[in-house]
């Protein structure tokens, strides 16, 4: 029996932090397919209606949400729940939670497998032991990272899983509908 396609909503991290995480991921787990650095707003889920309905929901809700900035803190792991190493969102995590909660409705509604926690995934390993080793390396390298730990969240990307660990971008969704840039006011 064919499993229903899974969809997610992410904000790509296209700045030096994103480059750092992508390079670190390649170092820690080189055999994984390359995934662009991102923070997840809606974790993977099946849709409750069509892609078109999901896009309408995204456009409506995201159009009313203002862009915001998050700040990353330390490296952590989800072990023993899952062998994942990540960087926690420290500042404005509540904005990500609010947006998640508003978007978890209609075609995008889903009962989450785990409580939603804003973070930037570094790598998901195969075993707890590998995750613990990756955690130590990631923690030490992140502690030496000298760049900004700020990420501007202003455009989200609706994605569909084509096969395990391979996602296709379906649509970009801009936060806010202001025709005047906030810098022009």
Protein backbone atom coordinates (compact mmCIF):
# COMPACT_ATOMS: atom_id res chain seq x y z
CA UNK A 1 0.00 0.00 0.00
CA UNK A 2 1.35 3.40 -0.97
CA UNK A 3 1.88 5.84 1.88
CA UNK A 4 0.42 9.35 1.58
CA UNK A 5 2.88 12.05 0.58
CA UNK A 6 4.28 14.12 3.45
CA UNK A 7 4.54 17.90 3.40
CA UNK A 8 6.34 20.42 5.58
CA UNK A 9 6.85 24.17 5.89
CA UNK A 10 10.39 25.44 6.40
CA UNK A 11 12.40 28.65 6.43
CA UNK A 12 15.70 28.10 4.65
CA UNK A 13 18.74 29.53 6.40
CA UNK A 14 20.71 31.17 3.60
CA UNK A 15 23.39 32.99 5.54
CA UNK A 16 26.71 32.10 7.25
CA UNK A 17 24.89 30.11 9.98
CA UNK A 18 23.26 28.00 7.27
CA UNK A 19 26.61 27.44 5.56
CA UNK A 20 28.15 26.44 8.91
CA UNK A 21 25.38 23.89 9.57
CA UNK A 22 25.52 22.43 6.04
CA UNK A 23 29.31 22.02 6.23
CA UNK A 24 29.05 20.50 9.71
CA UNK A 25 26.35 18.07 8.50
CA UNK A 26 28.58 16.94 5.62
CA UNK A 27 31.43 16.41 8.10
CA UNK A 28 29.33 14.45 10.62
CA UNK A 29 27.26 12.34 8.20
CA UNK A 30 28.74 12.53 4.67
CA UNK A 31 26.60 9.69 3.29
CA UNK A 32 23.35 11.60 3.95
CA UNK A 33 21.79 13.38 0.99
CA UNK A 34 22.51 17.08 1.21
CA UNK A 35 19.63 18.95 2.85
CA UNK A 36 19.61 22.74 2.89
CA UNK A 37 19.84 24.26 6.38
CA UNK A 38 16.39 25.25 7.62
CA UNK A 39 14.18 25.82 10.60
CA UNK A 40 10.90 23.92 10.46
CA UNK A 41 7.59 25.67 11.06
CA UNK A 42 5.38 22.66 10.25
CA UNK A 43 7.06 19.25 10.68
CA UNK A 44 6.33 16.55 8.05
CA UNK A 45 2.67 15.58 7.79
CA UNK A 46 0.09 14.24 5.35
CA UNK A 47 -2.38 16.80 4.03
CA UNK A 48 -6.04 16.71 5.05
CA UNK A 49 -7.07 18.15 1.66
CA UNK A 50 -5.46 19.11 -1.65
CA UNK A 51 -2.12 20.88 -2.16
CA UNK A 52 -4.15 23.81 -3.49
CA UNK A 53 -6.16 24.01 -0.24
CA UNK A 54 -2.96 23.84 1.79
CA UNK A 55 -1.47 26.69 -0.26
CA UNK A 56 -4.60 28.79 0.26
CA UNK A 57 -4.32 28.26 4.03
CA UNK A 58 -0.62 29.15 3.94
CA UNK A 59 -1.21 32.30 1.92
CA UNK A 60 -4.06 33.46 4.17
CA UNK A 61 -2.32 32.88 7.52
CA UNK A 62 1.22 33.82 6.47
CA UNK A 63 -0.05 36.98 4.81
CA UNK A 64 -1.20 38.17 8.23
CA UNK A 65 2.05 37.28 10.04
CA UNK A 66 4.90 39.77 10.20
CA UNK A 67 8.47 38.72 9.42
CA UNK A 68 10.59 38.21 12.53
CA UNK A 69 14.11 37.41 13.64
CA UNK A 70 15.22 34.46 15.73
CA UNK A 71 18.49 33.97 17.60
CA UNK A 72 20.13 30.59 18.07
CA UNK A 73 21.61 29.36 21.35
CA UNK A 74 23.40 26.10 22.14
CA UNK A 75 23.70 22.67 20.56
CA UNK A 76 21.47 19.96 22.03
CA UNK A 77 20.18 16.51 21.16
CA UNK A 78 16.80 14.80 21.18
CA UNK A 79 18.40 11.51 22.42
CA UNK A 80 16.88 9.15 23.55
CA UNK A 81 13.70 10.07 21.64
CA UNK A 82 15.48 10.40 18.30
CA UNK A 83 19.22 10.47 17.43
CA UNK A 84 19.06 14.10 16.27
CA UNK A 85 21.55 16.90 17.01
CA UNK A 86 20.26 20.46 16.74
CA UNK A 87 20.74 24.10 17.69
CA UNK A 88 17.98 25.47 19.92
CA UNK A 89 16.17 28.69 19.02
CA UNK A 90 16.68 30.99 22.00
CA UNK A 91 15.15 34.35 21.07
CA UNK A 92 11.68 34.57 19.48
CA UNK A 93 11.00 30.83 19.62
CA UNK A 94 7.51 31.87 20.73
CA UNK A 95 6.96 33.49 17.30
CA UNK A 96 7.73 30.19 15.60
CA UNK A 97 5.38 28.36 18.01
CA UNK A 98 2.59 30.87 17.39
CA UNK A 99 2.97 30.53 13.61
CA UNK A 100 3.10 26.73 13.91
CA UNK A 101 -0.07 26.70 16.01
CA UNK A 102 -1.96 29.00 13.61
CA UNK A 103 -0.90 26.97 10.56
CA UNK A 104 -1.72 23.58 12.09
CA UNK A 105 -5.28 23.82 10.79
CA UNK A 106 -7.53 22.91 7.86
CA UNK A 107 -5.59 21.09 5.09
CA UNK A 108 -2.39 21.36 7.18
CA UNK A 109 -3.85 20.00 10.45
CA UNK A 110 -1.89 17.21 12.08
CA UNK A 111 -1.44 15.67 15.50
CA UNK A 112 2.30 16.06 16.04
CA UNK A 113 4.34 12.98 16.91
CA UNK A 114 6.34 15.07 19.43
CA UNK A 115 5.73 18.50 20.98
CA UNK A 116 6.82 21.25 18.57
CA UNK A 117 10.13 22.79 19.58
CA UNK A 118 11.78 25.46 17.40
CA UNK A 119 15.27 24.39 16.37
CA UNK A 120 17.77 24.17 13.52
CA UNK A 121 18.62 20.52 12.86
CA UNK A 122 22.29 19.81 12.35
CA UNK A 123 22.07 16.08 11.68
CA UNK A 124 19.97 12.99 12.34
CA UNK A 125 22.19 9.99 12.93
CA UNK A 126 21.37 6.27 12.74
CA UNK A 127 22.04 5.46 16.41
CA UNK A 128 22.13 7.14 19.81
CA UNK A 129 25.88 6.49 20.11
CA UNK A 130 26.53 8.24 16.77
CA UNK A 131 24.31 11.13 17.86
CA UNK A 132 26.22 11.48 21.14
CA UNK A 133 29.53 11.61 19.23
CA UNK A 134 28.12 14.11 16.72
CA UNK A 135 26.77 16.21 19.60
CA UNK A 136 30.23 16.60 21.16
CA UNK A 137 31.81 17.65 17.84
CA UNK A 138 28.93 20.00 16.95
CA UNK A 139 28.86 21.59 20.42
CA UNK A 140 32.59 22.30 20.32
CA UNK A 141 32.59 23.70 16.78
CA UNK A 142 29.45 25.81 17.43
CA UNK A 143 31.08 27.26 20.57
CA UNK A 144 33.92 28.52 18.36
CA UNK A 145 31.59 29.92 15.67
CA UNK A 146 32.21 33.68 15.49
CA UNK A 147 29.43 34.77 13.11
CA UNK A 148 25.99 36.16 13.86
CA UNK A 149 23.52 33.69 15.32
CA UNK A 150 20.54 35.67 14.03
CA UNK A 151 18.19 34.39 11.34
CA UNK A 152 15.59 36.53 9.62
CA UNK A 153 12.36 34.61 9.01
CA UNK A 154 10.52 36.37 6.22
CA UNK A 155 9.92 33.71 3.56
CA UNK A 156 8.79 30.14 4.12
CA UNK A 157 8.89 27.27 1.65
CA UNK A 158 6.19 24.62 1.33
CA UNK A 159 7.87 21.29 0.52
CA UNK A 160 6.81 17.73 -0.37
CA UNK A 161 8.83 14.58 0.35
CA UNK A 162 9.59 12.87 -2.96
CA UNK A 163 11.41 9.93 -1.32
CA UNK A 164 13.04 9.49 2.10
CA UNK A 165 15.29 12.49 2.88
CA UNK A 166 14.55 14.11 -0.50
CA UNK A 167 12.23 17.10 -0.51
CA UNK A 168 10.92 19.18 -3.39
CA UNK A 169 10.17 22.89 -3.02
CA UNK A 170 6.57 23.52 -4.08
CA UNK A 171 6.00 27.20 -3.25
CA UNK A 172 7.53 30.16 -1.49
CA UNK A 173 5.27 31.93 0.99
CA UNK A 174 6.17 35.45 2.12
CA UNK A 175 5.23 36.59 5.61
CA UNK A 176 3.15 39.79 5.73
CA UNK A 177 1.38 41.62 2.97
CA UNK A 178 2.84 45.06 3.50
CA UNK A 179 3.48 46.84 0.22
CA UNK A 180 5.89 49.22 1.95
CA UNK A 181 9.13 47.90 3.32
CA UNK A 182 9.40 48.33 7.12
CA UNK A 183 12.66 50.19 6.47
CA UNK A 184 10.81 52.78 4.34
CA UNK A 185 8.42 53.82 7.11
